[in-house]
Amino acid sequence: MKKQERALYSEEHKKYLKNIKIKKVLILSAQFGILIGILVLWETLTHFMILDPLFFSSPSRLIKTAIDMFATKEIYDHISVTVYECVLGFGISTIVGALIAIGLWWSDYLRRVIDPYLVILNSLPKIALGPVIIVLMGLGIKAIVTMAILICIIITITSVLNGMMSCDPDKILLMKSMGASKFQILYKLLWPYSIPNLISVLKINIGLSWIGTIMGEYLTSRAGLGYLIVYGGQVFKMDLVMTSVFLLCVMAAGMYLLVSLIEKRVYKSR
């Protein structure tokens, strides 16, 4: 009887795992199908001049432009500059934002004082600070990274802090009753509890850091994909603009996949 139950359980479990794999394949197929459909439709509309390729470019022209850009090897410099600025802004804003969130949790008085300023700074359009950033940081990478940090850091602070504050108060009281210090409560309870929020922050900051980097390159840059987009728009080379945008999408997707892999490893180790 037990052997039959185990066999039945094993078969049901195999079916369950198989259904999960089938769903993943269907989701990936649908995602790639939508992408291919958009590209085919785009190419068709520009081929029959329903959309003017001078303004909208086309997938075939993007491929040709990308091949030419990589052949000259100049594009590698622009990609490396943009990736460096984005990763630097992403890393600094995430680490500093998480540390500030811990500090605000640690001091209830400080949190109450700072909270309205966080709301105001979060609602402020960061592009409005562009001239101030340029005056303070000068032209170049410092100003661009500062822009990326300003866009990401407030979201990091509020998200991590909200994750820590949402922890069950009874668990905190239990640890206090057992003589745990504030640091032990943070290290043993709140930080592990906040990891899902931190992973979500990383995913959000990927997009925000790219936005901040490109906005900064719009304001002040002599290299980078944002610079190529501005230059392409000025000289009316839409193929260059669209190719640069496509490369940005690919790199943002790569960073997102990297964070997803980190998320899987973190959850497996818990």
Protein backbone atom coordinates (compact mmCIF):
# COMPACT_ATOMS: atom_id res chain seq x y z
CA MET A 1 0.00 0.00 0.00
CA LYS A 2 2.78 2.42 0.94
CA LYS A 3 4.69 1.57 -2.23
CA GLN A 4 1.60 2.36 -4.31
CA GLU A 5 1.17 5.70 -2.49
CA ARG A 6 4.83 6.56 -3.07
CA ALA A 7 4.55 5.62 -6.74
CA LEU A 8 1.37 7.67 -7.10
CA TYR A 9 2.96 10.61 -5.32
CA SER A 10 6.03 10.30 -7.51
CA GLU A 11 3.95 10.26 -10.70
CA GLU A 12 1.85 13.21 -9.55
CA HIS A 13 4.99 15.12 -8.61
CA LYS A 14 6.52 14.41 -12.01
CA LYS A 15 3.35 15.67 -13.72
CA TYR A 16 3.43 18.80 -11.58
CA LEU A 17 7.08 19.51 -12.48
CA LYS A 18 6.34 18.79 -16.13
CA ASN A 19 3.45 21.28 -16.12
CA ILE A 20 5.70 23.93 -14.60
CA LYS A 21 8.30 23.39 -17.34
CA ILE A 22 5.61 23.52 -20.03
CA LYS A 23 4.29 26.82 -18.63
CA LYS A 24 7.80 28.30 -18.61
CA VAL A 25 8.32 27.24 -22.23
CA LEU A 26 4.96 28.71 -23.23
CA ILE A 27 5.73 32.00 -21.47
CA LEU A 28 9.16 32.28 -23.12
CA SER A 29 7.65 31.36 -26.50
CA ALA A 30 4.97 34.03 -26.10
CA GLN A 31 7.58 36.63 -25.11
CA PHE A 32 9.81 35.89 -28.09
CA GLY A 33 6.75 35.64 -30.34
CA ILE A 34 5.60 39.14 -29.36
CA LEU A 35 9.11 40.52 -29.95
CA ILE A 36 9.43 38.86 -33.36
CA GLY A 37 5.91 39.97 -34.30
CA ILE A 38 6.72 43.60 -33.45
CA LEU A 39 9.95 43.46 -35.47
CA VAL A 40 8.23 41.86 -38.48
CA LEU A 41 5.39 44.39 -38.36
CA TRP A 42 7.86 47.25 -38.03
CA GLU A 43 9.92 46.01 -40.99
CA THR A 44 6.77 45.49 -43.09
CA LEU A 45 5.35 48.94 -42.39
CA THR A 46 8.62 50.67 -43.27
CA HIS A 47 9.18 48.47 -46.34
CA PHE A 48 5.83 49.52 -47.84
CA MET A 49 6.40 53.14 -46.73
CA ILE A 50 3.40 53.13 -44.40
CA LEU A 51 5.93 54.38 -41.86
CA ASP A 52 8.69 56.60 -43.18
CA PRO A 53 12.02 54.82 -42.51
CA LEU A 54 13.72 58.21 -42.40
CA PHE A 55 11.86 58.92 -39.14
CA PHE A 56 11.22 55.42 -37.77
CA SER A 57 14.19 53.49 -39.22
CA SER A 58 13.65 49.69 -39.54
CA PRO A 59 15.04 46.44 -38.06
CA SER A 60 17.12 45.74 -41.18
CA ARG A 61 18.64 49.23 -41.05
CA LEU A 62 19.33 48.81 -37.33
CA ILE A 63 21.23 45.58 -38.00
CA LYS A 64 23.27 47.25 -40.76
CA THR A 65 24.03 50.25 -38.54
CA ALA A 66 25.02 48.02 -35.62
CA ILE A 67 27.36 45.96 -37.82
CA ASP A 68 29.00 49.15 -39.12
CA MET A 69 29.36 50.54 -35.59
CA PHE A 70 30.94 47.38 -34.21
CA ALA A 71 33.19 47.09 -37.26
CA THR A 72 34.74 50.49 -36.52
CA LYS A 73 35.10 49.48 -32.82
CA GLU A 74 34.23 53.02 -31.76
CA ILE A 75 30.95 51.79 -30.27
CA TYR A 76 32.85 49.79 -27.64
CA ASP A 77 34.09 53.00 -26.05
CA HIS A 78 30.58 54.45 -25.90
CA ILE A 79 29.14 51.22 -24.43
CA SER A 80 31.89 50.91 -21.81
CA VAL A 81 31.42 54.54 -20.71
CA THR A 82 27.65 54.18 -20.32
CA VAL A 83 27.88 50.80 -18.56
CA TYR A 84 30.53 52.13 -16.16
CA GLU A 85 28.40 55.18 -15.27
CA CYS A 86 25.26 53.09 -14.86
CA VAL A 87 26.85 50.37 -12.71
CA LEU A 88 28.60 52.96 -10.54
CA GLY A 89 25.38 54.91 -9.98
CA PHE A 90 23.45 51.68 -9.40
CA GLY A 91 25.94 50.32 -6.85
CA ILE A 92 26.44 53.54 -4.88
CA SER A 93 22.73 54.36 -4.68
CA THR A 94 21.84 50.82 -3.56
CA ILE A 95 24.54 50.55 -0.88
CA VAL A 96 24.22 54.10 0.47
CA GLY A 97 20.41 53.97 0.31
CA ALA A 98 20.32 50.71 2.27
CA LEU A 99 22.69 52.12 4.92
CA ILE A 100 20.58 55.29 5.28
CA ALA A 101 17.44 53.13 5.61
CA ILE A 102 19.13 51.18 8.42
CA GLY A 103 20.07 54.45 10.12
CA LEU A 104 16.50 55.74 9.90
CA TRP A 105 15.16 52.48 11.37
CA TRP A 106 17.74 52.70 14.15
CA SER A 107 16.64 56.20 15.19
CA ASP A 108 12.89 56.74 15.43
CA TYR A 109 13.44 60.45 16.05
CA LEU A 110 15.59 60.85 12.94
CA ARG A 111 13.07 58.89 10.84
CA ARG A 112 10.21 61.18 11.86
CA VAL A 113 12.30 64.27 11.06
CA ILE A 114 13.54 63.06 7.66
CA ASP A 115 10.34 61.39 6.41
CA PRO A 116 8.65 64.51 4.87
CA TYR A 117 11.89 65.47 3.13
CA LEU A 118 12.11 62.03 1.55
CA VAL A 119 8.59 62.45 0.17
CA ILE A 120 9.43 65.89 -1.25
CA LEU A 121 12.73 64.76 -2.78
CA ASN A 122 11.07 61.71 -4.31
CA SER A 123 8.45 63.87 -6.03
CA LEU A 124 11.02 66.41 -7.29
CA PRO A 125 11.90 66.03 -11.00
CA LYS A 126 15.63 65.30 -10.83
CA ILE A 127 16.24 66.77 -14.28
CA ALA A 128 15.45 70.17 -12.71
CA LEU A 129 18.62 69.78 -10.64
CA GLY A 130 20.72 69.26 -13.79
CA PRO A 131 22.24 72.79 -13.88
CA VAL A 132 23.00 72.63 -10.15
CA ILE A 133 24.66 69.23 -10.53
CA ILE A 134 26.81 70.49 -13.40
CA VAL A 135 27.90 73.56 -11.41
CA LEU A 136 28.75 71.48 -8.32
CA MET A 137 30.23 68.37 -9.96
CA GLY A 138 31.50 69.81 -13.24
CA LEU A 139 31.14 68.32 -16.69
CA GLY A 140 31.65 64.62 -17.28
CA ILE A 141 31.22 61.33 -15.43
CA LYS A 142 30.84 62.82 -11.92
CA ALA A 143 27.73 64.78 -12.92
CA ILE A 144 26.22 61.80 -14.79
CA VAL A 145 26.78 59.38 -11.89
CA THR A 146 25.37 61.95 -9.45
CA MET A 147 22.21 62.18 -11.55
CA ALA A 148 21.83 58.39 -11.52
CA ILE A 149 22.35 58.28 -7.75
CA LEU A 150 19.76 61.01 -7.10
CA ILE A 151 17.15 59.16 -9.14
CA CYS A 152 17.75 55.79 -7.45
CA ILE A 153 18.63 56.55 -3.84
CA ILE A 154 15.27 57.82 -2.55
CA ILE A 155 13.45 54.75 -3.87
CA THR A 156 16.09 52.54 -2.23
CA ILE A 157 15.73 54.28 1.13
CA THR A 158 11.94 54.17 1.22
CA SER A 159 11.63 50.59 -0.06
CA VAL A 160 14.21 49.08 2.31
CA LEU A 161 12.89 51.11 5.25
CA ASN A 162 9.29 50.07 4.57
CA GLY A 163 10.42 46.45 4.37
CA MET A 164 12.09 46.69 7.78
CA MET A 165 9.16 48.56 9.34
CA SER A 166 6.66 45.96 8.07
CA CYS A 167 8.26 43.19 10.13
CA ASP A 168 5.93 41.61 12.71
CA PRO A 169 6.23 43.66 15.95
CA ASP A 170 5.58 40.53 18.02
CA LYS A 171 8.77 38.96 16.68
CA ILE A 172 10.73 42.07 17.65
CA LEU A 173 9.17 42.03 21.13
CA LEU A 174 10.03 38.34 21.48
CA MET A 175 13.68 38.99 20.67
CA LYS A 176 13.74 41.94 23.09
CA SER A 177 12.25 39.77 25.83
CA MET A 178 15.08 37.28 25.25
CA GLY A 179 17.66 40.04 25.77
CA ALA A 180 18.57 40.69 22.13
CA SER A 181 20.33 43.96 21.41
CA LYS A 182 19.22 46.33 18.68
CA PHE A 183 22.05 45.18 16.45
CA GLN A 184 21.07 41.53 16.97
CA ILE A 185 17.45 42.33 16.06
CA LEU A 186 18.68 44.06 12.91
CA TYR A 187 21.14 41.32 11.93
CA LYS A 188 19.12 38.24 12.93
CA LEU A 189 15.56 39.36 12.09
CA LEU A 190 15.07 42.57 10.14
CA TRP A 191 17.84 42.24 7.56
CA PRO A 192 16.86 38.69 6.46
CA TYR A 193 13.22 39.81 6.48
CA SER A 194 14.09 42.75 4.19
CA ILE A 195 15.96 40.72 1.57
CA PRO A 196 12.87 40.31 -0.72
CA ASN A 197 12.39 44.08 -0.60
CA LEU A 198 16.08 44.61 -1.37
CA ILE A 199 15.84 42.29 -4.38
CA SER A 200 12.81 44.24 -5.60
CA VAL A 201 14.78 47.47 -5.12
CA LEU A 202 17.62 46.08 -7.23
CA LYS A 203 15.19 45.30 -10.05
CA ILE A 204 13.66 48.78 -9.85
CA ASN A 205 17.07 50.48 -9.65
CA ILE A 206 18.20 48.80 -12.86
CA GLY A 207 15.71 50.83 -14.88
CA LEU A 208 16.16 53.98 -12.80
CA SER A 209 19.95 53.87 -13.04
CA TRP A 210 19.76 53.62 -16.83
CA ILE A 211 17.31 56.53 -16.87
CA GLY A 212 19.60 58.61 -14.67
CA THR A 213 22.67 57.77 -16.73
CA ILE A 214 21.05 58.66 -20.06
CA MET A 215 19.55 61.85 -18.59
CA GLY A 216 23.00 62.81 -17.34
CA GLU A 217 24.54 62.08 -20.74
CA TYR A 218 21.87 64.24 -22.34
CA LEU A 219 23.01 67.13 -20.14
CA THR A 220 26.76 66.70 -20.23
CA SER A 221 28.74 64.03 -22.06
CA ARG A 222 31.24 63.57 -24.84
CA ALA A 223 30.85 59.80 -25.01
CA GLY A 224 28.25 57.15 -24.23
CA LEU A 225 25.05 55.88 -25.76
CA GLY A 226 23.12 58.90 -24.49
CA TYR A 227 25.61 61.10 -26.33
CA LEU A 228 25.04 59.06 -29.53
CA ILE A 229 21.27 59.47 -29.17
CA VAL A 230 21.60 63.25 -28.81
CA TYR A 231 24.10 63.47 -31.66
CA GLY A 232 21.97 61.27 -33.91
CA GLY A 233 18.93 63.45 -33.24
CA GLN A 234 20.86 66.62 -33.98
CA VAL A 235 22.17 65.42 -37.36
CA PHE A 236 18.93 63.52 -38.13
CA LYS A 237 20.51 60.05 -38.17
CA MET A 238 17.56 58.09 -36.81
CA ASP A 239 19.28 54.77 -37.54
CA LEU A 240 21.99 55.76 -35.05
CA VAL A 241 19.38 56.85 -32.50
CA MET A 242 17.31 53.66 -32.74
CA THR A 243 20.39 51.42 -32.71
CA SER A 244 21.64 53.12 -29.54
CA VAL A 245 18.21 52.69 -27.93
CA PHE A 246 18.21 49.00 -28.91
CA LEU A 247 21.65 48.51 -27.35
CA LEU A 248 20.38 50.17 -24.15
CA CYS A 249 17.46 47.72 -24.06
CA VAL A 250 19.81 44.76 -24.48
CA MET A 251 22.14 45.90 -21.68
CA ALA A 252 19.24 46.69 -19.33
CA ALA A 253 17.83 43.21 -19.99
CA GLY A 254 21.25 41.72 -19.25
CA MET A 255 21.43 43.50 -15.88
CA TYR A 256 17.90 42.39 -15.05
CA LEU A 257 18.75 38.74 -15.84
CA LEU A 258 21.84 39.02 -13.62
CA VAL A 259 19.74 40.28 -10.70
CA SER A 260 17.21 37.49 -11.33
CA LEU A 261 20.00 34.91 -11.10
CA ILE A 262 21.16 36.48 -7.81
CA GLU A 263 17.55 36.35 -6.56
CA LYS A 264 17.28 32.62 -7.34
CA ARG A 265 20.55 31.84 -5.57
CA VAL A 266 19.55 33.89 -2.52
CA TYR A 267 16.17 32.16 -2.20
CA LYS A 268 17.75 28.72 -2.65
CA SER A 269 20.26 29.39 0.12
CA ARG A 270 17.58 30.55 2.59
